[in-house]
């Protein structure tokens, strides 16, 4: 059984993915992001690159990765760094890796720091545009977007689908940025079907 890494978004909590994972019947390693959301800070974590390194440290063996929002950027960057270690990807409401603002995504920073006033300020720093490198990712990828997501609208998922050679996109009606929690049953089922395909494929 391939190990599954569950990566949260900028809220940072390992608990974010547990409802959908439970409905998917998936166990795995639920990471949290030190210093983000209400998570305690770690002096060793001071930028997004440190989160990528943290994720890579859990990839000594092949993994599948399920990631939310900014965690999707971390997942893509980790996959580019160690493509042989990633079997399948599930990216929900991904915010990063492509030019989000140009694709209609709203600026989330002010609302985020109102909600999490003690969160590390480095999370607001710009991240790299990975667009030119994404076509090299061969891992089968399920993209899940909400049609009411102002931060990462479906146009972001559509751009990622265009760039990732083995990607499919599922848009959930009446869903916002937190769709993995508000639509946990549906998202859990999508995750289960996508990740289980690898085990059901003929040898």
Protein backbone atom coordinates (compact mmCIF):
# COMPACT_ATOMS: atom_id res chain seq x y z
CA UNK A 1 0.00 0.00 0.00
CA UNK A 2 1.48 3.34 -1.07
CA UNK A 3 1.88 5.85 1.76
CA UNK A 4 -0.34 8.92 1.43
CA UNK A 5 0.82 12.38 2.49
CA UNK A 6 -1.97 14.83 3.33
CA UNK A 7 -0.85 18.45 3.03
CA UNK A 8 -2.97 21.31 4.39
CA UNK A 9 -3.24 24.82 3.01
CA UNK A 10 -2.09 28.01 4.69
CA UNK A 11 -4.30 27.31 7.73
CA UNK A 12 -1.62 24.75 8.52
CA UNK A 13 -3.63 22.22 10.51
CA UNK A 14 -3.09 18.48 10.15
CA UNK A 15 -6.76 18.03 11.04
CA UNK A 16 -7.92 19.69 7.82
CA UNK A 17 -7.89 16.51 5.74
CA UNK A 18 -9.18 14.03 8.32
CA UNK A 19 -12.93 14.21 7.49
CA UNK A 20 -12.39 13.60 3.76
CA UNK A 21 -9.72 10.97 4.43
CA UNK A 22 -12.07 9.11 6.76
CA UNK A 23 -14.79 9.10 4.11
CA UNK A 24 -12.25 7.91 1.54
CA UNK A 25 -11.19 5.07 3.82
CA UNK A 26 -7.61 6.33 3.51
CA UNK A 27 -5.03 6.47 6.24
CA UNK A 28 -1.76 8.29 5.87
CA UNK A 29 0.53 10.94 7.27
CA UNK A 30 -1.22 14.22 8.03
CA UNK A 31 1.31 17.05 7.99
CA UNK A 32 0.91 20.42 9.69
CA UNK A 33 2.75 23.61 8.77
CA UNK A 34 4.66 25.15 11.71
CA UNK A 35 3.93 28.83 12.19
CA UNK A 36 0.88 28.93 9.92
CA UNK A 37 -2.71 29.28 11.04
CA UNK A 38 -2.71 28.54 14.75
CA UNK A 39 0.15 26.03 14.56
CA UNK A 40 3.16 26.61 16.86
CA UNK A 41 6.18 28.10 15.11
CA UNK A 42 9.43 26.23 14.48
CA UNK A 43 12.65 28.22 14.15
CA UNK A 44 13.71 25.88 11.33
CA UNK A 45 10.67 26.81 9.20
CA UNK A 46 10.83 30.32 7.77
CA UNK A 47 9.66 30.13 4.17
CA UNK A 48 7.68 27.97 1.78
CA UNK A 49 10.87 26.25 0.59
CA UNK A 50 11.20 24.84 4.11
CA UNK A 51 7.75 23.27 3.79
CA UNK A 52 8.84 21.68 0.51
CA UNK A 53 11.96 20.30 2.23
CA UNK A 54 9.80 19.05 5.11
CA UNK A 55 7.56 17.21 2.64
CA UNK A 56 10.52 15.71 0.78
CA UNK A 57 11.88 14.40 4.09
CA UNK A 58 8.78 12.16 4.28
CA UNK A 59 9.37 10.79 0.78
CA UNK A 60 12.09 8.22 1.40
CA UNK A 61 9.66 5.76 -0.19
CA UNK A 62 7.11 6.34 -2.98
CA UNK A 63 4.03 8.28 -1.88
CA UNK A 64 0.73 9.61 -3.12
CA UNK A 65 0.04 13.23 -2.16
CA UNK A 66 -3.30 14.84 -1.35
CA UNK A 67 -2.98 18.61 -0.95
CA UNK A 68 -5.12 21.70 -0.34
CA UNK A 69 -4.60 25.25 -1.67
CA UNK A 70 -1.04 26.42 -0.92
CA UNK A 71 -0.26 22.79 -0.07
CA UNK A 72 -0.86 22.09 -3.75
CA UNK A 73 2.09 24.32 -4.60
CA UNK A 74 4.21 22.40 -2.09
CA UNK A 75 3.04 19.11 -3.62
CA UNK A 76 3.90 20.21 -7.14
CA UNK A 77 7.32 21.54 -6.11
CA UNK A 78 8.11 18.33 -4.21
CA UNK A 79 7.04 16.26 -7.22
CA UNK A 80 9.32 18.27 -9.49
CA UNK A 81 12.19 17.71 -7.05
CA UNK A 82 11.64 13.96 -6.71
CA UNK A 83 9.34 12.74 -9.52
CA UNK A 84 10.29 9.12 -8.98
CA UNK A 85 8.84 9.27 -5.45
CA UNK A 86 5.29 10.38 -6.39
CA UNK A 87 2.70 7.95 -7.69
CA UNK A 88 -0.50 10.02 -7.78
CA UNK A 89 -1.59 13.53 -6.86
CA UNK A 90 -4.88 14.97 -5.65
CA UNK A 91 -4.89 18.79 -5.60
CA UNK A 92 -7.91 20.66 -4.24
CA UNK A 93 -8.42 24.42 -4.59
CA UNK A 94 -4.75 24.75 -5.52
CA UNK A 95 -3.39 28.27 -5.02
CA UNK A 96 0.11 28.46 -6.43
CA UNK A 97 2.28 27.18 -9.23
CA UNK A 98 0.48 29.19 -11.90
CA UNK A 99 -0.31 32.95 -12.06
CA UNK A 100 -3.42 32.88 -9.85
CA UNK A 101 -4.18 36.63 -10.05
CA UNK A 102 -4.07 36.58 -13.85
CA UNK A 103 -6.58 33.72 -13.77
CA UNK A 104 -9.05 35.66 -11.63
CA UNK A 105 -8.04 34.54 -8.15
CA UNK A 106 -8.73 37.00 -5.32
CA UNK A 107 -6.04 38.21 -2.92
CA UNK A 108 -6.48 36.16 0.26
CA UNK A 109 -3.81 37.77 2.45
CA UNK A 110 -5.80 40.42 4.36
CA UNK A 111 -8.60 38.02 5.28
CA UNK A 112 -6.07 35.35 6.25
CA UNK A 113 -4.19 37.55 8.71
CA UNK A 114 -7.47 38.75 10.22
CA UNK A 115 -8.37 35.12 10.87
CA UNK A 116 -4.85 34.09 11.97
CA UNK A 117 -3.19 37.23 13.38
CA UNK A 118 -0.24 35.28 14.82
CA UNK A 119 0.56 33.43 11.59
CA UNK A 120 4.04 33.83 10.10
CA UNK A 121 4.19 36.74 7.67
CA UNK A 122 6.36 34.84 5.21
CA UNK A 123 3.32 32.91 4.00
CA UNK A 124 2.31 36.08 2.10
CA UNK A 125 5.55 36.12 0.09
CA UNK A 126 5.14 35.40 -3.64
CA UNK A 127 5.83 31.84 -4.77
CA UNK A 128 7.47 30.73 -7.99
CA UNK A 129 5.50 30.30 -11.21
CA UNK A 130 6.04 26.63 -12.05
CA UNK A 131 4.11 26.76 -15.33
CA UNK A 132 7.04 26.01 -17.60
CA UNK A 133 8.03 22.95 -15.53
CA UNK A 134 4.64 21.40 -14.88
CA UNK A 135 4.45 19.50 -18.22
CA UNK A 136 7.28 17.28 -16.95
CA UNK A 137 5.07 15.87 -14.15
CA UNK A 138 3.86 12.45 -15.27
CA UNK A 139 1.99 11.50 -12.08
CA UNK A 140 -1.75 11.00 -12.68
CA UNK A 141 -3.34 14.05 -11.07
CA UNK A 142 -6.89 14.73 -9.94
CA UNK A 143 -7.69 18.45 -9.70
CA UNK A 144 -10.75 19.44 -7.67
CA UNK A 145 -12.14 22.97 -7.83
CA UNK A 146 -15.21 24.68 -6.40
CA UNK A 147 -17.29 26.83 -8.73
CA UNK A 148 -17.64 29.45 -5.96
CA UNK A 149 -13.98 29.56 -4.96
CA UNK A 150 -12.83 33.17 -5.16
CA UNK A 151 -9.22 32.39 -4.19
CA UNK A 152 -8.62 29.59 -6.67
CA UNK A 153 -11.46 29.65 -9.22
CA UNK A 154 -12.03 26.84 -11.71
CA UNK A 155 -9.92 28.74 -14.25
CA UNK A 156 -6.89 27.83 -12.12
CA UNK A 157 -7.83 24.16 -12.25
CA UNK A 158 -8.32 24.45 -16.01
CA UNK A 159 -4.85 25.95 -16.46
CA UNK A 160 -3.30 23.19 -14.35
CA UNK A 161 -5.17 20.58 -16.39
CA UNK A 162 -3.72 22.10 -19.57
CA UNK A 163 -0.18 22.00 -18.19
CA UNK A 164 -0.16 18.63 -16.41
CA UNK A 165 -0.12 15.84 -19.02
CA UNK A 166 -1.99 13.27 -16.91
CA UNK A 167 -4.51 15.51 -15.16
CA UNK A 168 -8.29 15.50 -14.91
CA UNK A 169 -10.46 18.23 -13.39
CA UNK A 170 -13.61 17.86 -11.30
CA UNK A 171 -15.54 21.07 -10.53
CA UNK A 172 -17.95 20.86 -7.59
CA UNK A 173 -21.08 23.03 -7.82
CA UNK A 174 -21.83 25.40 -4.92
CA UNK A 175 -18.41 24.78 -3.37
CA UNK A 176 -15.87 27.33 -2.16
CA UNK A 177 -12.22 27.22 -1.15
CA UNK A 178 -12.88 24.89 1.80
CA UNK A 179 -14.63 22.29 -0.36
CA UNK A 180 -12.68 19.39 1.16
CA UNK A 181 -14.51 20.06 4.42
CA UNK A 182 -17.89 21.34 3.24
CA UNK A 183 -18.15 18.51 0.68
CA UNK A 184 -16.12 15.88 2.52
CA UNK A 185 -18.24 12.94 1.35
CA UNK A 186 -17.93 13.85 -2.31
CA UNK A 187 -14.24 14.77 -2.09
CA UNK A 188 -13.50 11.62 -0.11
CA UNK A 189 -15.12 9.50 -2.82
CA UNK A 190 -13.15 11.24 -5.56
CA UNK A 191 -9.90 10.72 -3.65
CA UNK A 192 -10.66 7.06 -3.08
CA UNK A 193 -11.41 6.37 -6.74
CA UNK A 194 -8.34 8.23 -7.98
CA UNK A 195 -5.87 6.64 -5.58
CA UNK A 196 -7.34 3.14 -5.82
CA UNK A 197 -6.94 3.08 -9.63
CA UNK A 198 -3.23 2.47 -9.22
CA UNK A 199 -3.87 -0.66 -7.17
CA UNK A 200 -6.52 -1.93 -9.58
CA UNK A 201 -4.41 -1.42 -12.71
CA UNK A 202 -3.27 -4.66 -14.38
CA UNK A 203 0.35 -5.58 -13.80
